[in-house]
Amino acid sequence: MSDESLKGLKALPLKFPRQCGSCGRIYQTEAEFLQQTLGMRAGRSSLKEGEDDDGRVIVEVFRNCLCGSTMMDEFHSRRDNSVEGQRRRAEYAKAHAK
């Protein structure tokens, strides 16, 4: 997965600093977490859609600490859920279904 797919992600409030449960390494900020960890192995996405406790869409980001332990943190979704955003996604899906 390219670093492009991680651009613009903003962590949910109070998520950092974050500590690896295996080795104890501390990531002070979301930028450190994204830059100093590794993506998932080939063929596996680091991003997964989820919901917070209030039902809002979030992005779960899976990254591997340098010790090899997989960590997950939650970020705000960048998806435009407005009526216009939904219309554009429907058009995109329709165009790629042909």
PDB file of N, CA and C in Angstrom:
ATOM      1  N   MET A   1       0.846  -1.171   0.000  1.00  0.00           N
ATOM      2  CA  MET A   1       0.000   0.000   0.000  1.00  0.00           C
ATOM      3  C   MET A   1       0.891   1.232   0.000  1.00  0.00           C
ATOM      4  N   SER A   2       0.559   2.174  -0.835  1.00  0.00           N
ATOM      5  CA  SER A   2       1.380   3.373  -0.946  1.00  0.00           C
ATOM      6  C   SER A   2       1.061   4.348   0.176  1.00  0.00           C
ATOM      7  N   ASP A   3       2.010   5.229   0.431  1.00  0.00           N
ATOM      8  CA  ASP A   3       1.782   6.267   1.425  1.00  0.00           C
ATOM      9  C   ASP A   3       0.685   7.226   0.991  1.00  0.00           C
ATOM     10  N   GLU A   4       0.384   7.253  -0.313  1.00  0.00           N
ATOM     11  CA  GLU A   4      -0.687   8.117  -0.821  1.00  0.00           C
ATOM     12  C   GLU A   4      -2.020   7.788  -0.156  1.00  0.00           C
ATOM     13  N   SER A   5      -2.274   6.518   0.090  1.00  0.00           N
ATOM     14  CA  SER A   5      -3.554   6.119   0.673  1.00  0.00           C
ATOM     15  C   SER A   5      -3.682   6.551   2.126  1.00  0.00           C
ATOM     16  N   LEU A   6      -2.576   6.953   2.744  1.00  0.00           N
ATOM     17  CA  LEU A   6      -2.600   7.392   4.135  1.00  0.00           C
ATOM     18  C   LEU A   6      -2.658   8.908   4.272  1.00  0.00           C
ATOM     19  N   LYS A   7      -2.474   9.623   3.161  1.00  0.00           N
ATOM     20  CA  LYS A   7      -2.467  11.088   3.212  1.00  0.00           C
ATOM     21  C   LYS A   7      -3.811  11.623   3.684  1.00  0.00           C
ATOM     22  N   GLY A   8      -3.749  12.619   4.526  1.00  0.00           N
ATOM     23  CA  GLY A   8      -4.958  13.294   4.971  1.00  0.00           C
ATOM     24  C   GLY A   8      -5.684  12.620   6.114  1.00  0.00           C
ATOM     25  N   LEU A   9      -5.182  11.484   6.587  1.00  0.00           N
ATOM     26  CA  LEU A   9      -5.842  10.830   7.712  1.00  0.00           C
ATOM     27  C   LEU A   9      -5.606  11.622   8.989  1.00  0.00           C
ATOM     28  N   LYS A  10      -6.654  11.791   9.773  1.00  0.00           N
ATOM     29  CA  LYS A  10      -6.571  12.492  11.056  1.00  0.00           C
ATOM     30  C   LYS A  10      -7.103  11.559  12.133  1.00  0.00           C
ATOM     31  N   ALA A  11      -6.303  11.355  13.160  1.00  0.00           N
ATOM     32  CA  ALA A  11      -6.696  10.447  14.237  1.00  0.00           C
ATOM     33  C   ALA A  11      -7.889  11.002  15.000  1.00  0.00           C
ATOM     34  N   LEU A  12      -8.681  10.097  15.532  1.00  0.00           N
ATOM     35  CA  LEU A  12      -9.762  10.503  16.416  1.00  0.00           C
ATOM     36  C   LEU A  12      -9.145  11.113  17.668  1.00  0.00           C
ATOM     37  N   PRO A  13      -9.879  11.976  18.368  1.00  0.00           N
ATOM     38  CA  PRO A  13      -9.323  12.642  19.554  1.00  0.00           C
ATOM     39  C   PRO A  13      -8.831  11.652  20.613  1.00  0.00           C
ATOM     40  N   LEU A  14      -7.788  12.046  21.304  1.00  0.00           N
ATOM     41  CA  LEU A  14      -7.229  11.320  22.447  1.00  0.00           C
ATOM     42  C   LEU A  14      -6.657   9.944  22.102  1.00  0.00           C
ATOM     43  N   LYS A  15      -6.228   9.745  20.871  1.00  0.00           N
ATOM     44  CA  LYS A  15      -5.668   8.458  20.463  1.00  0.00           C
ATOM     45  C   LYS A  15      -4.151   8.386  20.629  1.00  0.00           C
ATOM     46  N   PHE A  16      -3.501   9.528  20.740  1.00  0.00           N
ATOM     47  CA  PHE A  16      -2.045   9.536  20.847  1.00  0.00           C
ATOM     48  C   PHE A  16      -1.627  10.333  22.060  1.00  0.00           C
ATOM     49  N   PRO A  17      -0.498   9.946  22.682  1.00  0.00           N
ATOM     50  CA  PRO A  17       0.476   8.956  22.254  1.00  0.00           C
ATOM     51  C   PRO A  17      -0.094   7.539  22.329  1.00  0.00           C
ATOM     52  N   ARG A  18       0.547   6.660  21.551  1.00  0.00           N
ATOM     53  CA  ARG A  18       0.123   5.255  21.435  1.00  0.00           C
ATOM     54  C   ARG A  18       1.336   4.373  21.674  1.00  0.00           C
ATOM     55  N   GLN A  19       1.172   3.312  22.465  1.00  0.00           N
ATOM     56  CA  GLN A  19       2.286   2.427  22.803  1.00  0.00           C
ATOM     57  C   GLN A  19       2.044   1.023  22.259  1.00  0.00           C
ATOM     58  N   CYS A  20       3.078   0.446  21.681  1.00  0.00           N
ATOM     59  CA  CYS A  20       3.011  -0.938  21.208  1.00  0.00           C
ATOM     60  C   CYS A  20       2.930  -1.860  22.422  1.00  0.00           C
ATOM     61  N   GLY A  21       1.964  -2.749  22.414  1.00  0.00           N
ATOM     62  CA  GLY A  21       1.785  -3.674  23.525  1.00  0.00           C
ATOM     63  C   GLY A  21       2.855  -4.748  23.609  1.00  0.00           C
ATOM     64  N   SER A  22       3.606  -4.938  22.532  1.00  0.00           N
ATOM     65  CA  SER A  22       4.640  -5.982  22.525  1.00  0.00           C
ATOM     66  C   SER A  22       6.007  -5.468  22.955  1.00  0.00           C
ATOM     67  N   CYS A  23       6.463  -4.388  22.323  1.00  0.00           N
ATOM     68  CA  CYS A  23       7.827  -3.919  22.600  1.00  0.00           C
ATOM     69  C   CYS A  23       7.883  -2.640  23.431  1.00  0.00           C
ATOM     70  N   GLY A  24       6.749  -1.955  23.575  1.00  0.00           N
ATOM     71  CA  GLY A  24       6.714  -0.738  24.375  1.00  0.00           C
ATOM     72  C   GLY A  24       7.048   0.537  23.626  1.00  0.00           C
ATOM     73  N   ARG A  25       7.365   0.434  22.340  1.00  0.00           N
ATOM     74  CA  ARG A  25       7.685   1.628  21.552  1.00  0.00           C
ATOM     75  C   ARG A  25       6.504   2.594  21.597  1.00  0.00           C
ATOM     76  N   ILE A  26       6.800   3.878  21.754  1.00  0.00           N
ATOM     77  CA  ILE A  26       5.749   4.889  21.858  1.00  0.00           C
ATOM     78  C   ILE A  26       5.732   5.753  20.607  1.00  0.00           C
ATOM     79  N   TYR A  27       4.551   5.907  20.045  1.00  0.00           N
ATOM     80  CA  TYR A  27       4.308   6.791  18.903  1.00  0.00           C
ATOM     81  C   TYR A  27       3.571   8.002  19.460  1.00  0.00           C
ATOM     82  N   GLN A  28       4.247   9.159  19.477  1.00  0.00           N
ATOM     83  CA  GLN A  28       3.695  10.352  20.109  1.00  0.00           C
ATOM     84  C   GLN A  28       2.535  10.962  19.335  1.00  0.00           C
ATOM     85  N   THR A  29       2.592  10.860  18.011  1.00  0.00           N
ATOM     86  CA  THR A  29       1.587  11.511  17.166  1.00  0.00           C
ATOM     87  C   THR A  29       1.101  10.549  16.088  1.00  0.00           C
ATOM     88  N   GLU A  30       0.009  10.933  15.440  1.00  0.00           N
ATOM     89  CA  GLU A  30      -0.490  10.131  14.318  1.00  0.00           C
ATOM     90  C   GLU A  30       0.537  10.081  13.193  1.00  0.00           C
ATOM     91  N   ALA A  31       1.265  11.185  12.985  1.00  0.00           N
ATOM     92  CA  ALA A  31       2.293  11.210  11.935  1.00  0.00           C
ATOM     93  C   ALA A  31       3.389  10.188  12.238  1.00  0.00           C
ATOM     94  N   GLU A  32       3.851  10.130  13.484  1.00  0.00           N
ATOM     95  CA  GLU A  32       4.857   9.133  13.859  1.00  0.00           C
ATOM     96  C   GLU A  32       4.322   7.724  13.640  1.00  0.00           C
ATOM     97  N   PHE A  33       3.088   7.482  14.036  1.00  0.00           N
ATOM     98  CA  PHE A  33       2.475   6.160  13.874  1.00  0.00           C
ATOM     99  C   PHE A  33       2.453   5.749  12.409  1.00  0.00           C
ATOM    100  N   LEU A  34       2.053   6.656  11.531  1.00  0.00           N
ATOM    101  CA  LEU A  34       1.945   6.333  10.108  1.00  0.00           C
ATOM    102  C   LEU A  34       3.306   6.236   9.425  1.00  0.00           C
ATOM    103  N   GLN A  35       4.268   7.067   9.846  1.00  0.00           N
ATOM    104  CA  GLN A  35       5.573   7.107   9.186  1.00  0.00           C
ATOM    105  C   GLN A  35       6.559   6.077   9.721  1.00  0.00           C
ATOM    106  N   GLN A  36       6.458   5.747  11.002  1.00  0.00           N
ATOM    107  CA  GLN A  36       7.459   4.883  11.628  1.00  0.00           C
ATOM    108  C   GLN A  36       6.997   3.436  11.790  1.00  0.00           C
ATOM    109  N   THR A  37       5.867   3.101  11.191  1.00  0.00           N
ATOM    110  CA  THR A  37       5.393   1.721  11.175  1.00  0.00           C
ATOM    111  C   THR A  37       5.357   1.246   9.729  1.00  0.00           C
ATOM    112  N   LEU A  38       5.116  -0.023   9.540  1.00  0.00           N
ATOM    113  CA  LEU A  38       5.107  -0.612   8.201  1.00  0.00           C
ATOM    114  C   LEU A  38       3.701  -1.046   7.826  1.00  0.00           C
ATOM    115  N   GLY A  39       3.410  -0.976   6.520  1.00  0.00           N
ATOM    116  CA  GLY A  39       2.117  -1.428   6.028  1.00  0.00           C
ATOM    117  C   GLY A  39       1.982  -2.938   6.157  1.00  0.00           C
ATOM    118  N   MET A  40       0.787  -3.414   5.937  1.00  0.00           N
ATOM    119  CA  MET A  40       0.523  -4.847   5.998  1.00  0.00           C
ATOM    120  C   MET A  40       1.230  -5.547   4.835  1.00  0.00           C
ATOM    121  N   ARG A  41       1.413  -6.845   4.967  1.00  0.00           N
ATOM    122  CA  ARG A  41       2.116  -7.600   3.914  1.00  0.00           C
ATOM    123  C   ARG A  41       1.361  -7.490   2.590  1.00  0.00           C
ATOM    124  N   ALA A  42       2.044  -7.771   1.522  1.00  0.00           N
ATOM    125  CA  ALA A  42       1.478  -7.644   0.175  1.00  0.00           C
ATOM    126  C   ALA A  42       0.140  -8.370   0.075  1.00  0.00           C
ATOM    127  N   GLY A  43      -0.801  -7.707  -0.568  1.00  0.00           N
ATOM    128  CA  GLY A  43      -2.112  -8.294  -0.768  1.00  0.00           C
ATOM    129  C   GLY A  43      -3.104  -8.002   0.339  1.00  0.00           C
ATOM    130  N   ARG A  44      -2.665  -7.367   1.415  1.00  0.00           N
ATOM    131  CA  ARG A  44      -3.560  -7.034   2.525  1.00  0.00           C
ATOM    132  C   ARG A  44      -3.631  -5.528   2.667  1.00  0.00           C
ATOM    133  N   SER A  45      -4.830  -5.014   2.781  1.00  0.00           N
ATOM    134  CA  SER A  45      -5.019  -3.579   2.933  1.00  0.00           C
ATOM    135  C   SER A  45      -4.769  -3.167   4.377  1.00  0.00           C
ATOM    136  N   SER A  46      -4.202  -1.982   4.549  1.00  0.00           N
ATOM    137  CA  SER A  46      -4.005  -1.425   5.883  1.00  0.00           C
ATOM    138  C   SER A  46      -5.229  -0.653   6.351  1.00  0.00           C
ATOM    139  N   LEU A  47      -6.205  -0.462   5.461  1.00  0.00           N
ATOM    140  CA  LEU A  47      -7.373   0.355   5.782  1.00  0.00           C
ATOM    141  C   LEU A  47      -8.638  -0.488   5.805  1.00  0.00           C
ATOM    142  N   LYS A  48      -9.484  -0.223   6.799  1.00  0.00           N
ATOM    143  CA  LYS A  48     -10.761  -0.923   6.913  1.00  0.00           C
ATOM    144  C   LYS A  48     -11.805   0.066   7.415  1.00  0.00           C
ATOM    145  N   GLU A  49     -12.977   0.036   6.800  1.00  0.00           N
ATOM    146  CA  GLU A  49     -14.064   0.903   7.249  1.00  0.00           C
ATOM    147  C   GLU A  49     -14.670   0.323   8.518  1.00  0.00           C
ATOM    148  N   GLY A  50     -15.003   1.197   9.444  1.00  0.00           N
ATOM    149  CA  GLY A  50     -15.643   0.785  10.689  1.00  0.00           C
ATOM    150  C   GLY A  50     -16.617   1.853  11.147  1.00  0.00           C
ATOM    151  N   GLU A  51     -17.195   1.659  12.318  1.00  0.00           N
ATOM    152  CA  GLU A  51     -18.103   2.643  12.911  1.00  0.00           C
ATOM    153  C   GLU A  51     -17.668   2.916  14.338  1.00  0.00           C
ATOM    154  N   ASP A  52     -17.826   4.186  14.758  1.00  0.00           N
ATOM    155  CA  ASP A  52     -17.548   4.498  16.150  1.00  0.00           C
ATOM    156  C   ASP A  52     -18.792   4.189  16.987  1.00  0.00           C
ATOM    157  N   ASP A  53     -18.738   4.494  18.266  1.00  0.00           N
ATOM    158  CA  ASP A  53     -19.853   4.187  19.165  1.00  0.00           C
ATOM    159  C   ASP A  53     -21.129   4.934  18.811  1.00  0.00           C
ATOM    160  N   ASP A  54     -21.002   6.042  18.085  1.00  0.00           N
ATOM    161  CA  ASP A  54     -22.166   6.838  17.687  1.00  0.00           C
ATOM    162  C   ASP A  54     -22.663   6.482  16.292  1.00  0.00           C
ATOM    163  N   GLY A  55     -22.078   5.464  15.671  1.00  0.00           N
ATOM    164  CA  GLY A  55     -22.510   5.035  14.348  1.00  0.00           C
ATOM    165  C   GLY A  55     -21.887   5.800  13.198  1.00  0.00           C
ATOM    166  N   ARG A  56     -20.940   6.689  13.489  1.00  0.00           N
ATOM    167  CA  ARG A  56     -20.261   7.431  12.423  1.00  0.00           C
ATOM    168  C   ARG A  56     -19.179   6.559  11.796  1.00  0.00           C
ATOM    169  N   VAL A  57     -19.000   6.748  10.492  1.00  0.00           N
ATOM    170  CA  VAL A  57     -17.994   5.970   9.761  1.00  0.00           C
ATOM    171  C   VAL A  57     -16.601   6.457  10.145  1.00  0.00           C
ATOM    172  N   ILE A  58     -15.729   5.508  10.434  1.00  0.00           N
ATOM    173  CA  ILE A  58     -14.325   5.794  10.735  1.00  0.00           C
ATOM    174  C   ILE A  58     -13.462   4.888   9.862  1.00  0.00           C
ATOM    175  N   VAL A  59     -12.170   5.157   9.857  1.00  0.00           N
ATOM    176  CA  VAL A  59     -11.212   4.314   9.145  1.00  0.00           C
ATOM    177  C   VAL A  59     -10.314   3.656  10.189  1.00  0.00           C
ATOM    178  N   GLU A  60     -10.285   2.333  10.179  1.00  0.00           N
ATOM    179  CA  GLU A  60      -9.366   1.595  11.036  1.00  0.00           C
ATOM    180  C   GLU A  60      -8.087   1.373  10.233  1.00  0.00           C
ATOM    181  N   VAL A  61      -6.967   1.802  10.795  1.00  0.00           N
ATOM    182  CA  VAL A  61      -5.679   1.695  10.106  1.00  0.00           C
ATOM    183  C   VAL A  61      -4.822   0.656  10.829  1.00  0.00           C
ATOM    184  N   PHE A  62      -4.439  -0.372  10.093  1.00  0.00           N
ATOM    185  CA  PHE A  62      -3.600  -1.444  10.628  1.00  0.00           C
ATOM    186  C   PHE A  62      -2.173  -1.227  10.143  1.00  0.00           C
ATOM    187  N   ARG A  63      -1.224  -1.212  11.086  1.00  0.00           N
ATOM    188  CA  ARG A  63       0.182  -1.013  10.762  1.00  0.00           C
ATOM    189  C   ARG A  63       1.012  -1.969  11.606  1.00  0.00           C
ATOM    190  N   ASN A  64       2.178  -2.326  11.113  1.00  0.00           N
ATOM    191  CA  ASN A  64       3.083  -3.194  11.858  1.00  0.00           C
ATOM    192  C   ASN A  64       4.167  -2.366  12.522  1.00  0.00           C
ATOM    193  N   CYS A  65       4.279  -2.512  13.839  1.00  0.00           N
ATOM    194  CA  CYS A  65       5.368  -1.893  14.589  1.00  0.00           C
ATOM    195  C   CYS A  65       6.673  -2.500  14.079  1.00  0.00           C
ATOM    196  N   LEU A  66       7.773  -1.832  14.324  1.00  0.00           N
ATOM    197  CA  LEU A  66       9.070  -2.351  13.878  1.00  0.00           C
ATOM    198  C   LEU A  66       9.407  -3.695  14.515  1.00  0.00           C
ATOM    199  N   CYS A  67       8.771  -4.013  15.656  1.00  0.00           N
ATOM    200  CA  CYS A  67       9.002  -5.315  16.297  1.00  0.00           C
ATOM    201  C   CYS A  67       8.191  -6.421  15.624  1.00  0.00           C
ATOM    202  N   GLY A  68       7.276  -6.038  14.702  1.00  0.00           N
ATOM    203  CA  GLY A  68       6.468  -7.019  13.987  1.00  0.00           C
ATOM    204  C   GLY A  68       5.042  -7.140  14.486  1.00  0.00           C
ATOM    205  N   SER A  69       4.740  -6.536  15.615  1.00  0.00           N
ATOM    206  CA  SER A  69       3.387  -6.598  16.170  1.00  0.00           C
ATOM    207  C   SER A  69       2.437  -5.712  15.363  1.00  0.00           C
ATOM    208  N   THR A  70       1.248  -6.224  15.061  1.00  0.00           N
ATOM    209  CA  THR A  70       0.260  -5.439  14.327  1.00  0.00           C
ATOM    210  C   THR A  70      -0.518  -4.561  15.298  1.00  0.00           C
ATOM    211  N   MET A  71      -0.602  -3.285  14.945  1.00  0.00           N
ATOM    212  CA  MET A  71      -1.335  -2.309  15.750  1.00  0.00           C
ATOM    213  C   MET A  71      -2.463  -1.744  14.907  1.00  0.00           C
ATOM    214  N   MET A  72      -3.530  -1.312  15.567  1.00  0.00           N
ATOM    215  CA  MET A  72      -4.649  -0.688  14.860  1.00  0.00           C
ATOM    216  C   MET A  72      -5.016   0.585  15.592  1.00  0.00           C
ATOM    217  N   ASP A  73      -5.305   1.618  14.823  1.00  0.00           N
ATOM    218  CA  ASP A  73      -5.842   2.834  15.415  1.00  0.00           C
ATOM    219  C   ASP A  73      -6.941   3.369  14.530  1.00  0.00           C
ATOM    220  N   GLU A  74      -7.744   4.254  15.101  1.00  0.00           N
ATOM    221  CA  GLU A  74      -8.931   4.765  14.421  1.00  0.00           C
ATOM    222  C   GLU A  74      -8.727   6.204  13.976  1.00  0.00           C
ATOM    223  N   PHE A  75      -9.158   6.468  12.739  1.00  0.00           N
ATOM    224  CA  PHE A  75      -9.018   7.784  12.136  1.00  0.00           C
ATOM    225  C   PHE A  75     -10.362   8.232  11.581  1.00  0.00           C
ATOM    226  N   HIS A  76     -10.506   9.555  11.420  1.00  0.00           N
ATOM    227  CA  HIS A  76     -11.710  10.095  10.787  1.00  0.00           C
ATOM    228  C   HIS A  76     -11.776   9.618   9.344  1.00  0.00           C
ATOM    229  N   SER A  77     -12.985   9.361   8.868  1.00  0.00           N
ATOM    230  CA  SER A  77     -13.184   8.995   7.468  1.00  0.00           C
ATOM    231  C   SER A  77     -13.032  10.239   6.604  1.00  0.00           C
ATOM    232  N   ARG A  78     -12.390  10.074   5.448  1.00  0.00           N
ATOM    233  CA  ARG A  78     -12.251  11.189   4.502  1.00  0.00           C
ATOM    234  C   ARG A  78     -13.377  11.181   3.488  1.00  0.00           C
ATOM    235  N   ARG A  79     -14.226  10.167   3.535  1.00  0.00           N
ATOM    236  CA  ARG A  79     -15.295  10.001   2.547  1.00  0.00           C
ATOM    237  C   ARG A  79     -16.316  11.126   2.661  1.00  0.00           C
ATOM    238  N   ASP A  80     -16.713  11.641   1.515  1.00  0.00           N
ATOM    239  CA  ASP A  80     -17.764  12.657   1.433  1.00  0.00           C
ATOM    240  C   ASP A  80     -19.108  11.929   1.452  1.00  0.00           C
ATOM    241  N   ASN A  81     -19.803  11.985   2.585  1.00  0.00           N
ATOM    242  CA  ASN A  81     -21.083  11.291   2.715  1.00  0.00           C
ATOM    243  C   ASN A  81     -22.280  12.173   2.395  1.00  0.00           C
ATOM    244  N   SER A  82     -22.026  13.322   1.791  1.00  0.00           N
ATOM    245  CA  SER A  82     -23.132  14.192   1.386  1.00  0.00           C
ATOM    246  C   SER A  82     -23.895  13.539   0.237  1.00  0.00           C
ATOM    247  N   VAL A  83     -25.045  14.083  -0.093  1.00  0.00           N
ATOM    248  CA  VAL A  83     -25.834  13.576  -1.213  1.00  0.00           C
ATOM    249  C   VAL A  83     -25.001  13.615  -2.491  1.00  0.00           C
ATOM    250  N   GLU A  84     -24.272  14.700  -2.692  1.00  0.00           N
ATOM    251  CA  GLU A  84     -23.428  14.833  -3.884  1.00  0.00           C
ATOM    252  C   GLU A  84     -22.318  13.780  -3.888  1.00  0.00           C
ATOM    253  N   GLY A  85     -21.694  13.541  -2.744  1.00  0.00           N
ATOM    254  CA  GLY A  85     -20.651  12.527  -2.657  1.00  0.00           C
ATOM    255  C   GLY A  85     -21.182  11.136  -2.963  1.00  0.00           C
ATOM    256  N   GLN A  86     -22.367  10.831  -2.478  1.00  0.00           N
ATOM    257  CA  GLN A  86     -22.986   9.533  -2.757  1.00  0.00           C
ATOM    258  C   GLN A  86     -23.328   9.398  -4.242  1.00  0.00           C
ATOM    259  N   ARG A  87     -23.782  10.490  -4.847  1.00  0.00           N
ATOM    260  CA  ARG A  87     -24.104  10.478  -6.274  1.00  0.00           C
ATOM    261  C   ARG A  87     -22.849  10.199  -7.099  1.00  0.00           C
ATOM    262  N   ARG A  88     -21.737  10.860  -6.756  1.00  0.00           N
ATOM    263  CA  ARG A  88     -20.480  10.655  -7.482  1.00  0.00           C
ATOM    264  C   ARG A  88     -19.992   9.211  -7.354  1.00  0.00           C
ATOM    265  N   ARG A  89     -20.106   8.631  -6.154  1.00  0.00           N
ATOM    266  CA  ARG A  89     -19.687   7.241  -5.978  1.00  0.00           C
ATOM    267  C   ARG A  89     -20.550   6.293  -6.795  1.00  0.00           C
ATOM    268  N   ALA A  90     -21.852   6.572  -6.853  1.00  0.00           N
ATOM    269  CA  ALA A  90     -22.761   5.728  -7.649  1.00  0.00           C
ATOM    270  C   ALA A  90     -22.397   5.810  -9.129  1.00  0.00           C
ATOM    271  N   GLU A  91     -22.100   7.014  -9.621  1.00  0.00           N
ATOM    272  CA  GLU A  91     -21.697   7.180 -11.022  1.00  0.00           C
ATOM    273  C   GLU A  91     -20.384   6.450 -11.298  1.00  0.00           C
ATOM    274  N   TYR A  92     -19.452   6.551 -10.382  1.00  0.00           N
ATOM    275  CA  TYR A  92     -18.160   5.876 -10.531  1.00  0.00           C
ATOM    276  C   TYR A  92     -18.365   4.362 -10.600  1.00  0.00           C
ATOM    277  N   ALA A  93     -19.161   3.823  -9.691  1.00  0.00           N
ATOM    278  CA  ALA A  93     -19.423   2.379  -9.677  1.00  0.00           C
ATOM    279  C   ALA A  93     -20.113   1.934 -10.958  1.00  0.00           C
ATOM    280  N   LYS A  94     -21.041   2.742 -11.431  1.00  0.00           N
ATOM    281  CA  LYS A  94     -21.773   2.417 -12.663  1.00  0.00           C
ATOM    282  C   LYS A  94     -20.816   2.394 -13.860  1.00  0.00           C
ATOM    283  N   ALA A  95     -19.925   3.380 -13.927  1.00  0.00           N
ATOM    284  CA  ALA A  95     -18.976   3.468 -15.040  1.00  0.00           C
ATOM    285  C   ALA A  95     -18.008   2.282 -15.040  1.00  0.00           C
ATOM    286  N   HIS A  96     -17.623   1.817 -13.856  1.00  0.00           N
ATOM    287  CA  HIS A  96     -16.662   0.713 -13.774  1.00  0.00           C
ATOM    288  C   HIS A  96     -17.323  -0.655 -13.846  1.00  0.00           C
ATOM    289  N   ALA A  97     -18.637  -0.696 -13.837  1.00  0.00           N
ATOM    290  CA  ALA A  97     -19.355  -1.972 -13.941  1.00  0.00           C
ATOM    291  C   ALA A  97     -19.494  -2.414 -15.390  1.00  0.00           C
ATOM    292  N   LYS A  98     -19.249  -1.505 -16.314  1.00  0.00           N
ATOM    293  CA  LYS A  98     -19.412  -1.807 -17.747  1.00  0.00           C
ATOM    294  C   LYS A  98     -18.272  -2.620 -18.277  1.00  0.00           C
TER     295      LYS A  98
END
